[in-house]
């Protein structure tokens, strides 16, 4: 089968689609998530299909109806499923605080609750 992305770590059997997500290790997505990593699209968990690169992640969406512009959740909830910083920490052998502190400046921040400034 096809082996997308660097390192050709995962073989995709048959006619499968992949989704390319414009985020990578420059944004704080660890390369070590290349094998166990997943995202949520339309409430369904999809595995990474190859090595996390500097600026993109390739995801195996099989033959599901995934379209450009669909929301992709790397950390957070969508539908009945959620991917947490704790889950990443377990996969990476670290703590959840290290996971969230590694996100780069290219990612927008959205703060919920509390106050803005003094």
PDB file of N, CA and C in Angstrom:
ATOM      1  N   UNK A   1       0.812  -1.195   0.000  1.00  0.00           N
ATOM      2  CA  UNK A   1       0.000   0.000   0.000  1.00  0.00           C
ATOM      3  C   UNK A   1       0.854   1.257   0.000  1.00  0.00           C
ATOM      4  N   UNK A   2       0.185   2.354  -0.064  1.00  0.00           N
ATOM      5  CA  UNK A   2       0.811   3.676  -0.044  1.00  0.00           C
ATOM      6  C   UNK A   2       1.387   3.973   1.337  1.00  0.00           C
ATOM      7  N   UNK A   3       2.491   4.720   1.373  1.00  0.00           N
ATOM      8  CA  UNK A   3       3.129   5.118   2.633  1.00  0.00           C
ATOM      9  C   UNK A   3       3.374   6.620   2.598  1.00  0.00           C
ATOM     10  N   UNK A   4       2.404   7.400   3.065  1.00  0.00           N
ATOM     11  CA  UNK A   4       2.554   8.858   2.996  1.00  0.00           C
ATOM     12  C   UNK A   4       3.530   9.410   4.027  1.00  0.00           C
ATOM     13  N   UNK A   5       4.082  10.571   3.735  1.00  0.00           N
ATOM     14  CA  UNK A   5       4.920  11.352   4.632  1.00  0.00           C
ATOM     15  C   UNK A   5       6.328  10.776   4.756  1.00  0.00           C
ATOM     16  N   UNK A   6       7.178  11.498   5.482  1.00  0.00           N
ATOM     17  CA  UNK A   6       8.564  11.090   5.695  1.00  0.00           C
ATOM     18  C   UNK A   6       8.630   9.768   6.451  1.00  0.00           C
ATOM     19  N   UNK A   7       9.659   9.018   6.211  1.00  0.00           N
ATOM     20  CA  UNK A   7       9.908   7.809   6.974  1.00  0.00           C
ATOM     21  C   UNK A   7       9.064   6.622   6.565  1.00  0.00           C
ATOM     22  N   UNK A   8       7.979   6.870   5.862  1.00  0.00           N
ATOM     23  CA  UNK A   8       7.108   5.801   5.372  1.00  0.00           C
ATOM     24  C   UNK A   8       6.784   4.801   6.469  1.00  0.00           C
ATOM     25  N   UNK A   9       6.357   5.294   7.641  1.00  0.00           N
ATOM     26  CA  UNK A   9       6.171   4.447   8.819  1.00  0.00           C
ATOM     27  C   UNK A   9       4.878   3.647   8.819  1.00  0.00           C
ATOM     28  N   UNK A  10       3.885   4.083   8.073  1.00  0.00           N
ATOM     29  CA  UNK A  10       2.602   3.389   8.083  1.00  0.00           C
ATOM     30  C   UNK A  10       2.182   3.095   6.651  1.00  0.00           C
ATOM     31  N   UNK A  11       1.755   1.860   6.414  1.00  0.00           N
ATOM     32  CA  UNK A  11       1.280   1.457   5.094  1.00  0.00           C
ATOM     33  C   UNK A  11      -0.240   1.526   5.077  1.00  0.00           C
ATOM     34  N   UNK A  12      -0.780   2.173   4.056  1.00  0.00           N
ATOM     35  CA  UNK A  12      -2.227   2.279   3.901  1.00  0.00           C
ATOM     36  C   UNK A  12      -2.682   1.246   2.883  1.00  0.00           C
ATOM     37  N   UNK A  13      -3.569   0.365   3.296  1.00  0.00           N
ATOM     38  CA  UNK A  13      -4.050  -0.692   2.420  1.00  0.00           C
ATOM     39  C   UNK A  13      -5.194  -0.199   1.546  1.00  0.00           C
ATOM     40  N   UNK A  14      -5.217  -0.667   0.317  1.00  0.00           N
ATOM     41  CA  UNK A  14      -6.322  -0.367  -0.585  1.00  0.00           C
ATOM     42  C   UNK A  14      -6.411   1.097  -0.955  1.00  0.00           C
ATOM     43  N   UNK A  15      -7.569   1.463  -1.469  1.00  0.00           N
ATOM     44  CA  UNK A  15      -7.829   2.850  -1.880  1.00  0.00           C
ATOM     45  C   UNK A  15      -8.298   3.634  -0.667  1.00  0.00           C
ATOM     46  N   UNK A  16      -7.400   4.375  -0.068  1.00  0.00           N
ATOM     47  CA  UNK A  16      -7.716   5.148   1.129  1.00  0.00           C
ATOM     48  C   UNK A  16      -7.422   6.614   0.860  1.00  0.00           C
ATOM     49  N   UNK A  17      -8.158   7.459   1.550  1.00  0.00           N
ATOM     50  CA  UNK A  17      -7.921   8.897   1.449  1.00  0.00           C
ATOM     51  C   UNK A  17      -7.093   9.351   2.643  1.00  0.00           C
ATOM     52  N   UNK A  18      -6.328  10.394   2.436  1.00  0.00           N
ATOM     53  CA  UNK A  18      -5.640  11.036   3.547  1.00  0.00           C
ATOM     54  C   UNK A  18      -6.050  12.501   3.578  1.00  0.00           C
ATOM     55  N   UNK A  19      -6.008  13.062   4.763  1.00  0.00           N
ATOM     56  CA  UNK A  19      -6.246  14.492   4.952  1.00  0.00           C
ATOM     57  C   UNK A  19      -4.934  15.109   5.408  1.00  0.00           C
ATOM     58  N   UNK A  20      -4.582  16.234   4.830  1.00  0.00           N
ATOM     59  CA  UNK A  20      -3.374  16.955   5.207  1.00  0.00           C
ATOM     60  C   UNK A  20      -3.773  18.126   6.086  1.00  0.00           C
ATOM     61  N   UNK A  21      -3.197  18.185   7.272  1.00  0.00           N
ATOM     62  CA  UNK A  21      -3.529  19.215   8.250  1.00  0.00           C
ATOM     63  C   UNK A  21      -2.319  20.136   8.384  1.00  0.00           C
ATOM     64  N   UNK A  22      -2.509  21.440   8.210  1.00  0.00           N
ATOM     65  CA  UNK A  22      -1.373  22.377   8.190  1.00  0.00           C
ATOM     66  C   UNK A  22      -0.879  22.755   9.585  1.00  0.00           C
ATOM     67  N   UNK A  23      -0.322  21.767  10.272  1.00  0.00           N
ATOM     68  CA  UNK A  23       0.264  21.967  11.599  1.00  0.00           C
ATOM     69  C   UNK A  23       1.321  20.882  11.766  1.00  0.00           C
ATOM     70  N   UNK A  24       2.415  21.199  12.442  1.00  0.00           N
ATOM     71  CA  UNK A  24       3.473  20.211  12.588  1.00  0.00           C
ATOM     72  C   UNK A  24       4.342  20.471  13.800  1.00  0.00           C
ATOM     73  N   UNK A  25       5.551  19.922  13.772  1.00  0.00           N
ATOM     74  CA  UNK A  25       6.404  20.053  14.952  1.00  0.00           C
ATOM     75  C   UNK A  25       6.854  21.476  15.199  1.00  0.00           C
ATOM     76  N   UNK A  26       6.850  22.339  14.188  1.00  0.00           N
ATOM     77  CA  UNK A  26       7.170  23.756  14.418  1.00  0.00           C
ATOM     78  C   UNK A  26       6.109  24.428  15.283  1.00  0.00           C
ATOM     79  N   UNK A  27       4.941  23.816  15.353  1.00  0.00           N
ATOM     80  CA  UNK A  27       3.840  24.347  16.163  1.00  0.00           C
ATOM     81  C   UNK A  27       3.728  23.643  17.512  1.00  0.00           C
ATOM     82  N   UNK A  28       4.572  22.651  17.748  1.00  0.00           N
ATOM     83  CA  UNK A  28       4.551  21.944  19.019  1.00  0.00           C
ATOM     84  C   UNK A  28       3.902  20.575  18.973  1.00  0.00           C
ATOM     85  N   UNK A  29       3.603  20.068  17.779  1.00  0.00           N
ATOM     86  CA  UNK A  29       3.067  18.713  17.666  1.00  0.00           C
ATOM     87  C   UNK A  29       4.263  17.759  17.663  1.00  0.00           C
ATOM     88  N   UNK A  30       4.418  16.954  18.708  1.00  0.00           N
ATOM     89  CA  UNK A  30       5.618  16.122  18.815  1.00  0.00           C
ATOM     90  C   UNK A  30       5.731  15.088  17.691  1.00  0.00           C
ATOM     91  N   UNK A  31       6.927  14.954  17.133  1.00  0.00           N
ATOM     92  CA  UNK A  31       7.158  13.927  16.113  1.00  0.00           C
ATOM     93  C   UNK A  31       6.935  12.534  16.682  1.00  0.00           C
ATOM     94  N   UNK A  32       7.136  12.373  17.982  1.00  0.00           N
ATOM     95  CA  UNK A  32       6.950  11.056  18.591  1.00  0.00           C
ATOM     96  C   UNK A  32       5.482  10.630  18.640  1.00  0.00           C
ATOM     97  N   UNK A  33       4.561  11.515  18.261  1.00  0.00           N
ATOM     98  CA  UNK A  33       3.159  11.117  18.120  1.00  0.00           C
ATOM     99  C   UNK A  33       2.873  10.530  16.742  1.00  0.00           C
ATOM    100  N   UNK A  34       3.879  10.426  15.896  1.00  0.00           N
ATOM    101  CA  UNK A  34       3.672   9.969  14.522  1.00  0.00           C
ATOM    102  C   UNK A  34       2.993   8.606  14.442  1.00  0.00           C
ATOM    103  N   UNK A  35       3.335   7.692  15.301  1.00  0.00           N
ATOM    104  CA  UNK A  35       2.691   6.369  15.280  1.00  0.00           C
ATOM    105  C   UNK A  35       1.409   6.334  16.108  1.00  0.00           C
ATOM    106  N   UNK A  36       1.419   6.796  17.346  1.00  0.00           N
ATOM    107  CA  UNK A  36       0.192   6.634  18.136  1.00  0.00           C
ATOM    108  C   UNK A  36      -0.800   7.782  18.005  1.00  0.00           C
ATOM    109  N   UNK A  37      -0.435   8.853  17.315  1.00  0.00           N
ATOM    110  CA  UNK A  37      -1.271  10.051  17.290  1.00  0.00           C
ATOM    111  C   UNK A  37      -2.564   9.883  16.513  1.00  0.00           C
ATOM    112  N   UNK A  38      -3.543  10.714  16.877  1.00  0.00           N
ATOM    113  CA  UNK A  38      -4.839  10.725  16.196  1.00  0.00           C
ATOM    114  C   UNK A  38      -5.440  12.115  16.323  1.00  0.00           C
ATOM    115  N   UNK A  39      -6.404  12.394  15.461  1.00  0.00           N
ATOM    116  CA  UNK A  39      -7.176  13.634  15.521  1.00  0.00           C
ATOM    117  C   UNK A  39      -8.652  13.267  15.470  1.00  0.00           C
ATOM    118  N   UNK A  40      -9.486  14.250  15.763  1.00  0.00           N
ATOM    119  CA  UNK A  40     -10.932  14.079  15.615  1.00  0.00           C
ATOM    120  C   UNK A  40     -11.408  14.925  14.447  1.00  0.00           C
ATOM    121  N   UNK A  41     -12.168  14.315  13.557  1.00  0.00           N
ATOM    122  CA  UNK A  41     -12.820  15.021  12.458  1.00  0.00           C
ATOM    123  C   UNK A  41     -14.254  14.509  12.412  1.00  0.00           C
ATOM    124  N   UNK A  42     -15.204  15.418  12.502  1.00  0.00           N
ATOM    125  CA  UNK A  42     -16.621  15.039  12.511  1.00  0.00           C
ATOM    126  C   UNK A  42     -16.930  14.025  13.612  1.00  0.00           C
ATOM    127  N   UNK A  43     -16.233  14.165  14.743  1.00  0.00           N
ATOM    128  CA  UNK A  43     -16.472  13.303  15.894  1.00  0.00           C
ATOM    129  C   UNK A  43     -15.878  11.911  15.792  1.00  0.00           C
ATOM    130  N   UNK A  44     -15.087  11.652  14.763  1.00  0.00           N
ATOM    131  CA  UNK A  44     -14.466  10.340  14.557  1.00  0.00           C
ATOM    132  C   UNK A  44     -12.957  10.481  14.725  1.00  0.00           C
ATOM    133  N   UNK A  45     -12.368   9.510  15.414  1.00  0.00           N
ATOM    134  CA  UNK A  45     -10.921   9.507  15.650  1.00  0.00           C
ATOM    135  C   UNK A  45     -10.211   8.870  14.457  1.00  0.00           C
ATOM    136  N   UNK A  46      -9.255   9.624  13.886  1.00  0.00           N
ATOM    137  CA  UNK A  46      -8.479   9.148  12.741  1.00  0.00           C
ATOM    138  C   UNK A  46      -6.998   9.145  13.102  1.00  0.00           C
ATOM    139  N   UNK A  47      -6.269   8.060  12.766  1.00  0.00           N
ATOM    140  CA  UNK A  47      -4.844   7.980  13.105  1.00  0.00           C
ATOM    141  C   UNK A  47      -3.973   8.790  12.157  1.00  0.00           C
ATOM    142  N   UNK A  48      -2.845   9.246  12.683  1.00  0.00           N
ATOM    143  CA  UNK A  48      -1.836   9.853  11.827  1.00  0.00           C
ATOM    144  C   UNK A  48      -1.408   8.790  10.807  1.00  0.00           C
ATOM    145  N   UNK A  49      -1.173   9.213   9.575  1.00  0.00           N
ATOM    146  CA  UNK A  49      -0.819   8.279   8.510  1.00  0.00           C
ATOM    147  C   UNK A  49       0.667   8.289   8.193  1.00  0.00           C
ATOM    148  N   UNK A  50       1.420   9.104   8.880  1.00  0.00           N
ATOM    149  CA  UNK A  50       2.850   9.195   8.613  1.00  0.00           C
ATOM    150  C   UNK A  50       3.522  10.051   9.661  1.00  0.00           C
ATOM    151  N   UNK A  51       4.776  10.331   9.430  1.00  0.00           N
ATOM    152  CA  UNK A  51       5.576  11.117  10.356  1.00  0.00           C
ATOM    153  C   UNK A  51       5.098  12.566  10.404  1.00  0.00           C
ATOM    154  N   UNK A  52       5.005  13.113  11.604  1.00  0.00           N
ATOM    155  CA  UNK A  52       4.711  14.540  11.771  1.00  0.00           C
ATOM    156  C   UNK A  52       5.874  15.312  11.166  1.00  0.00           C
ATOM    157  N   UNK A  53       5.580  16.219  10.236  1.00  0.00           N
ATOM    158  CA  UNK A  53       6.624  17.027   9.617  1.00  0.00           C
ATOM    159  C   UNK A  53       6.616  18.419  10.246  1.00  0.00           C
ATOM    160  N   UNK A  54       7.510  19.265   9.787  1.00  0.00           N
ATOM    161  CA  UNK A  54       7.612  20.607  10.358  1.00  0.00           C
ATOM    162  C   UNK A  54       6.291  21.367  10.273  1.00  0.00           C
ATOM    163  N   UNK A  55       5.588  21.232   9.162  1.00  0.00           N
ATOM    164  CA  UNK A  55       4.398  22.049   8.936  1.00  0.00           C
ATOM    165  C   UNK A  55       3.140  21.275   8.595  1.00  0.00           C
ATOM    166  N   UNK A  56       3.160  19.943   8.731  1.00  0.00           N
ATOM    167  CA  UNK A  56       1.928  19.219   8.428  1.00  0.00           C
ATOM    168  C   UNK A  56       1.881  17.853   9.089  1.00  0.00           C
ATOM    169  N   UNK A  57       0.630  17.416   9.245  1.00  0.00           N
ATOM    170  CA  UNK A  57       0.312  16.077   9.714  1.00  0.00           C
ATOM    171  C   UNK A  57      -0.608  15.470   8.662  1.00  0.00           C
ATOM    172  N   UNK A  58      -0.344  14.227   8.284  1.00  0.00           N
ATOM    173  CA  UNK A  58      -1.194  13.511   7.339  1.00  0.00           C
ATOM    174  C   UNK A  58      -1.994  12.483   8.132  1.00  0.00           C
ATOM    175  N   UNK A  59      -3.308  12.456   7.893  1.00  0.00           N
ATOM    176  CA  UNK A  59      -4.218  11.609   8.656  1.00  0.00           C
ATOM    177  C   UNK A  59      -4.927  10.642   7.708  1.00  0.00           C
ATOM    178  N   UNK A  60      -5.051   9.387   8.127  1.00  0.00           N
ATOM    179  CA  UNK A  60      -5.753   8.362   7.351  1.00  0.00           C
ATOM    180  C   UNK A  60      -7.249   8.462   7.646  1.00  0.00           C
ATOM    181  N   UNK A  61      -8.027   8.919   6.656  1.00  0.00           N
ATOM    182  CA  UNK A  61      -9.480   9.042   6.845  1.00  0.00           C
ATOM    183  C   UNK A  61     -10.240   7.942   6.102  1.00  0.00           C
ATOM    184  N   UNK A  62      -9.512   6.938   5.617  1.00  0.00           N
ATOM    185  CA  UNK A  62     -10.159   5.810   4.948  1.00  0.00           C
ATOM    186  C   UNK A  62     -10.972   6.268   3.754  1.00  0.00           C
ATOM    187  N   UNK A  63     -12.214   5.828   3.693  1.00  0.00           N
ATOM    188  CA  UNK A  63     -13.094   6.280   2.613  1.00  0.00           C
ATOM    189  C   UNK A  63     -14.249   7.111   3.168  1.00  0.00           C
ATOM    190  N   UNK A  64     -14.055   7.657   4.371  1.00  0.00           N
ATOM    191  CA  UNK A  64     -15.089   8.481   5.005  1.00  0.00           C
ATOM    192  C   UNK A  64     -15.269   9.804   4.268  1.00  0.00           C
ATOM    193  N   UNK A  65     -16.404  10.417   4.498  1.00  0.00           N
ATOM    194  CA  UNK A  65     -16.752  11.685   3.852  1.00  0.00           C
ATOM    195  C   UNK A  65     -16.154  12.845   4.645  1.00  0.00           C
ATOM    196  N   UNK A  66     -14.876  13.107   4.419  1.00  0.00           N
ATOM    197  CA  UNK A  66     -14.172  14.218   5.053  1.00  0.00           C
ATOM    198  C   UNK A  66     -13.859  15.234   3.965  1.00  0.00           C
ATOM    199  N   UNK A  67     -14.155  16.496   4.250  1.00  0.00           N
ATOM    200  CA  UNK A  67     -13.983  17.532   3.235  1.00  0.00           C
ATOM    201  C   UNK A  67     -13.081  18.650   3.731  1.00  0.00           C
ATOM    202  N   UNK A  68     -12.470  19.356   2.787  1.00  0.00           N
ATOM    203  CA  UNK A  68     -11.689  20.538   3.121  1.00  0.00           C
ATOM    204  C   UNK A  68     -12.577  21.499   3.902  1.00  0.00           C
ATOM    205  N   UNK A  69     -12.040  22.029   4.985  1.00  0.00           N
ATOM    206  CA  UNK A  69     -12.793  22.959   5.818  1.00  0.00           C
ATOM    207  C   UNK A  69     -13.439  22.312   7.026  1.00  0.00           C
ATOM    208  N   UNK A  70     -13.494  20.970   7.073  1.00  0.00           N
ATOM    209  CA  UNK A  70     -14.019  20.305   8.267  1.00  0.00           C
ATOM    210  C   UNK A  70     -13.117  20.628   9.454  1.00  0.00           C
ATOM    211  N   UNK A  71     -13.720  20.849  10.606  1.00  0.00           N
ATOM    212  CA  UNK A  71     -12.945  21.127  11.816  1.00  0.00           C
ATOM    213  C   UNK A  71     -12.140  19.892  12.210  1.00  0.00           C
ATOM    214  N   UNK A  72     -10.867  20.123  12.530  1.00  0.00           N
ATOM    215  CA  UNK A  72      -9.972  19.070  13.000  1.00  0.00           C
ATOM    216  C   UNK A  72      -9.585  19.413  14.433  1.00  0.00           C
ATOM    217  N   UNK A  73      -9.754  18.461  15.336  1.00  0.00           N
ATOM    218  CA  UNK A  73      -9.406  18.665  16.742  1.00  0.00           C
ATOM    219  C   UNK A  73      -8.193  17.805  17.069  1.00  0.00           C
ATOM    220  N   UNK A  74      -7.106  18.474  17.464  1.00  0.00           N
ATOM    221  CA  UNK A  74      -5.918  17.750  17.907  1.00  0.00           C
ATOM    222  C   UNK A  74      -5.976  17.493  19.408  1.00  0.00           C
ATOM    223  N   UNK A  75      -6.367  18.504  20.151  1.00  0.00           N
ATOM    224  CA  UNK A  75      -6.609  18.388  21.592  1.00  0.00           C
ATOM    225  C   UNK A  75      -7.953  19.029  21.863  1.00  0.00           C
ATOM    226  N   UNK A  76      -8.825  18.297  22.510  1.00  0.00           N
ATOM    227  CA  UNK A  76     -10.143  18.827  22.822  1.00  0.00           C
ATOM    228  C   UNK A  76     -11.212  17.802  22.517  1.00  0.00           C
ATOM    229  N   UNK A  77     -12.457  18.241  22.616  1.00  0.00           N
ATOM    230  CA  UNK A  77     -13.601  17.355  22.427  1.00  0.00           C
ATOM    231  C   UNK A  77     -14.320  17.671  21.127  1.00  0.00           C
ATOM    232  N   UNK A  78     -14.876  16.629  20.549  1.00  0.00           N
ATOM    233  CA  UNK A  78     -15.714  16.776  19.363  1.00  0.00           C
ATOM    234  C   UNK A  78     -16.631  15.556  19.342  1.00  0.00           C
ATOM    235  N   UNK A  79     -17.931  15.793  19.252  1.00  0.00           N
ATOM    236  CA  UNK A  79     -18.862  14.679  19.340  1.00  0.00           C
ATOM    237  C   UNK A  79     -18.757  14.038  20.710  1.00  0.00           C
ATOM    238  N   UNK A  80     -18.764  12.724  20.755  1.00  0.00           N
ATOM    239  CA  UNK A  80     -18.707  11.997  22.025  1.00  0.00           C
ATOM    240  C   UNK A  80     -17.284  11.652  22.444  1.00  0.00           C
ATOM    241  N   UNK A  81     -16.294  12.036  21.662  1.00  0.00           N
ATOM    242  CA  UNK A  81     -14.902  11.670  21.940  1.00  0.00           C
ATOM    243  C   UNK A  81     -14.089  12.903  22.311  1.00  0.00           C
ATOM    244  N   UNK A  82     -12.971  12.680  22.947  1.00  0.00           N
ATOM    245  CA  UNK A  82     -12.064  13.771  23.314  1.00  0.00           C
ATOM    246  C   UNK A  82     -10.632  13.253  23.298  1.00  0.00           C
ATOM    247  N   UNK A  83      -9.720  14.138  22.926  1.00  0.00           N
ATOM    248  CA  UNK A  83      -8.284  13.880  23.018  1.00  0.00           C
ATOM    249  C   UNK A  83      -7.746  14.912  23.997  1.00  0.00           C
ATOM    250  N   UNK A  84      -7.124  14.454  25.055  1.00  0.00           N
ATOM    251  CA  UNK A  84      -6.689  15.352  26.125  1.00  0.00           C
ATOM    252  C   UNK A  84      -5.168  15.472  26.179  1.00  0.00           C
ATOM    253  N   UNK A  85      -4.716  16.506  26.859  1.00  0.00           N
ATOM    254  CA  UNK A  85      -3.284  16.667  27.103  1.00  0.00           C
ATOM    255  C   UNK A  85      -2.761  15.503  27.942  1.00  0.00           C
ATOM    256  N   UNK A  86      -3.602  14.972  28.806  1.00  0.00           N
ATOM    257  CA  UNK A  86      -3.209  13.822  29.614  1.00  0.00           C
ATOM    258  C   UNK A  86      -2.973  12.594  28.736  1.00  0.00           C
ATOM    259  N   UNK A  87      -3.824  12.412  27.721  1.00  0.00           N
ATOM    260  CA  UNK A  87      -3.643  11.291  26.786  1.00  0.00           C
ATOM    261  C   UNK A  87      -2.316  11.423  26.044  1.00  0.00           C
ATOM    262  N   UNK A  88      -2.043  12.639  25.516  1.00  0.00           N
ATOM    263  CA  UNK A  88      -0.760  12.868  24.851  1.00  0.00           C
ATOM    264  C   UNK A  88       0.385  12.598  25.814  1.00  0.00           C
ATOM    265  N   UNK A  89       0.276  13.091  27.043  1.00  0.00           N
ATOM    266  CA  UNK A  89       1.343  12.914  28.030  1.00  0.00           C
ATOM    267  C   UNK A  89       1.617  11.432  28.270  1.00  0.00           C
ATOM    268  N   UNK A  90       0.557  10.630  28.384  1.00  0.00           N
ATOM    269  CA  UNK A  90       0.741   9.186  28.562  1.00  0.00           C
ATOM    270  C   UNK A  90       1.472   8.574  27.369  1.00  0.00           C
ATOM    271  N   UNK A  91       1.088   8.978  26.153  1.00  0.00           N
ATOM    272  CA  UNK A  91       1.734   8.453  24.943  1.00  0.00           C
ATOM    273  C   UNK A  91       3.198   8.879  24.848  1.00  0.00           C
ATOM    274  N   UNK A  92       3.495  10.078  25.359  1.00  0.00           N
ATOM    275  CA  UNK A  92       4.835  10.657  25.239  1.00  0.00           C
ATOM    276  C   UNK A  92       5.727  10.399  26.446  1.00  0.00           C
ATOM    277  N   UNK A  93       5.159   9.840  27.515  1.00  0.00           N
ATOM    278  CA  UNK A  93       5.943   9.589  28.715  1.00  0.00           C
ATOM    279  C   UNK A  93       6.328  10.860  29.443  1.00  0.00           C
ATOM    280  N   UNK A  94       5.391  11.804  29.538  1.00  0.00           N
ATOM    281  CA  UNK A  94       5.663  13.079  30.189  1.00  0.00           C
ATOM    282  C   UNK A  94       4.425  13.511  30.972  1.00  0.00           C
ATOM    283  N   UNK A  95       4.324  14.797  31.259  1.00  0.00           N
ATOM    284  CA  UNK A  95       3.174  15.323  31.985  1.00  0.00           C
ATOM    285  C   UNK A  95       2.382  16.266  31.079  1.00  0.00           C
ATOM    286  N   UNK A  96       1.121  16.464  31.418  1.00  0.00           N
ATOM    287  CA  UNK A  96       0.239  17.291  30.587  1.00  0.00           C
ATOM    288  C   UNK A  96       0.723  18.737  30.473  1.00  0.00           C
ATOM    289  N   UNK A  97       1.367  19.270  31.490  1.00  0.00           N
ATOM    290  CA  UNK A  97       1.847  20.653  31.430  1.00  0.00           C
ATOM    291  C   UNK A  97       2.934  20.827  30.366  1.00  0.00           C
ATOM    292  N   UNK A  98       3.800  19.825  30.229  1.00  0.00           N
ATOM    293  CA  UNK A  98       4.825  19.905  29.183  1.00  0.00           C
ATOM    294  C   UNK A  98       4.174  19.903  27.800  1.00  0.00           C
ATOM    295  N   UNK A  99       3.134  19.113  27.631  1.00  0.00           N
ATOM    296  CA  UNK A  99       2.420  19.056  26.347  1.00  0.00           C
ATOM    297  C   UNK A  99       1.927  20.439  25.951  1.00  0.00           C
ATOM    298  N   UNK A 100       1.209  21.110  26.841  1.00  0.00           N
ATOM    299  CA  UNK A 100       0.609  22.396  26.467  1.00  0.00           C
ATOM    300  C   UNK A 100       1.630  23.527  26.424  1.00  0.00           C
ATOM    301  N   UNK A 101       2.710  23.415  27.173  1.00  0.00           N
ATOM    302  CA  UNK A 101       3.743  24.461  27.137  1.00  0.00           C
ATOM    303  C   UNK A 101       4.575  24.410  25.862  1.00  0.00           C
ATOM    304  N   UNK A 102       4.545  23.307  25.142  1.00  0.00           N
ATOM    305  CA  UNK A 102       5.349  23.163  23.926  1.00  0.00           C
ATOM    306  C   UNK A 102       4.694  23.735  22.682  1.00  0.00           C
ATOM    307  N   UNK A 103       3.447  24.189  22.768  1.00  0.00           N
ATOM    308  CA  UNK A 103       2.809  24.755  21.579  1.00  0.00           C
ATOM    309  C   UNK A 103       3.495  26.052  21.196  1.00  0.00           C
ATOM    310  N   UNK A 104       3.780  26.192  19.900  1.00  0.00           N
ATOM    311  CA  UNK A 104       4.535  27.328  19.388  1.00  0.00           C
ATOM    312  C   UNK A 104       3.704  28.583  19.212  1.00  0.00           C
ATOM    313  N   UNK A 105       4.379  29.691  18.910  1.00  0.00           N
ATOM    314  CA  UNK A 105       3.716  30.995  18.793  1.00  0.00           C
ATOM    315  C   UNK A 105       2.823  31.131  17.565  1.00  0.00           C
ATOM    316  N   UNK A 106       2.936  30.220  16.598  1.00  0.00           N
ATOM    317  CA  UNK A 106       2.072  30.311  15.415  1.00  0.00           C
ATOM    318  C   UNK A 106       0.630  29.900  15.714  1.00  0.00           C
ATOM    319  N   UNK A 107       0.418  29.206  16.821  1.00  0.00           N
ATOM    320  CA  UNK A 107      -0.937  28.770  17.159  1.00  0.00           C
ATOM    321  C   UNK A 107      -1.685  29.876  17.888  1.00  0.00           C
ATOM    322  N   UNK A 108      -2.894  30.190  17.436  1.00  0.00           N
ATOM    323  CA  UNK A 108      -3.678  31.200  18.158  1.00  0.00           C
ATOM    324  C   UNK A 108      -4.113  30.651  19.510  1.00  0.00           C
ATOM    325  N   UNK A 109      -4.225  31.544  20.464  1.00  0.00           N
ATOM    326  CA  UNK A 109      -4.687  31.169  21.801  1.00  0.00           C
ATOM    327  C   UNK A 109      -6.092  31.702  21.988  1.00  0.00           C
ATOM    328  N   UNK A 110      -6.922  30.915  22.630  1.00  0.00           N
ATOM    329  CA  UNK A 110      -8.269  31.356  22.971  1.00  0.00           C
ATOM    330  C   UNK A 110      -8.482  31.010  24.437  1.00  0.00           C
ATOM    331  N   UNK A 111      -8.667  32.035  25.249  1.00  0.00           N
ATOM    332  CA  UNK A 111      -8.827  31.854  26.680  1.00  0.00           C
ATOM    333  C   UNK A 111     -10.307  31.867  27.024  1.00  0.00           C
ATOM    334  N   UNK A 112     -10.722  30.906  27.806  1.00  0.00           N
ATOM    335  CA  UNK A 112     -12.117  30.786  28.200  1.00  0.00           C
ATOM    336  C   UNK A 112     -12.245  31.036  29.688  1.00  0.00           C
ATOM    337  N   UNK A 113     -13.202  31.861  30.077  1.00  0.00           N
ATOM    338  CA  UNK A 113     -13.410  32.159  31.486  1.00  0.00           C
ATOM    339  C   UNK A 113     -12.412  33.171  31.997  1.00  0.00           C
ATOM    340  N   UNK A 114     -12.545  33.531  33.251  1.00  0.00           N
ATOM    341  CA  UNK A 114     -11.629  34.494  33.850  1.00  0.00           C
ATOM    342  C   UNK A 114     -11.814  35.883  33.284  1.00  0.00           C
ATOM    343  N   UNK A 115     -10.817  36.716  33.504  1.00  0.00           N
ATOM    344  CA  UNK A 115     -10.877  38.090  33.011  1.00  0.00           C
ATOM    345  C   UNK A 115      -9.721  38.346  32.065  1.00  0.00           C
ATOM    346  N   UNK A 116      -9.871  39.342  31.240  1.00  0.00           N
ATOM    347  CA  UNK A 116      -8.812  39.759  30.320  1.00  0.00           C
ATOM    348  C   UNK A 116      -8.116  40.985  30.880  1.00  0.00           C
ATOM    349  N   UNK A 117      -6.931  40.807  31.394  1.00  0.00           N
ATOM    350  CA  UNK A 117      -6.169  41.958  31.882  1.00  0.00           C
ATOM    351  C   UNK A 117      -6.637  42.459  33.231  1.00  0.00           C
ATOM    352  N   UNK A 118      -6.152  43.645  33.593  1.00  0.00           N
ATOM    353  CA  UNK A 118      -6.401  44.193  34.918  1.00  0.00           C
ATOM    354  C   UNK A 118      -7.535  45.049  34.927  1.00  0.00           C
TER     355      UNK A 118
END
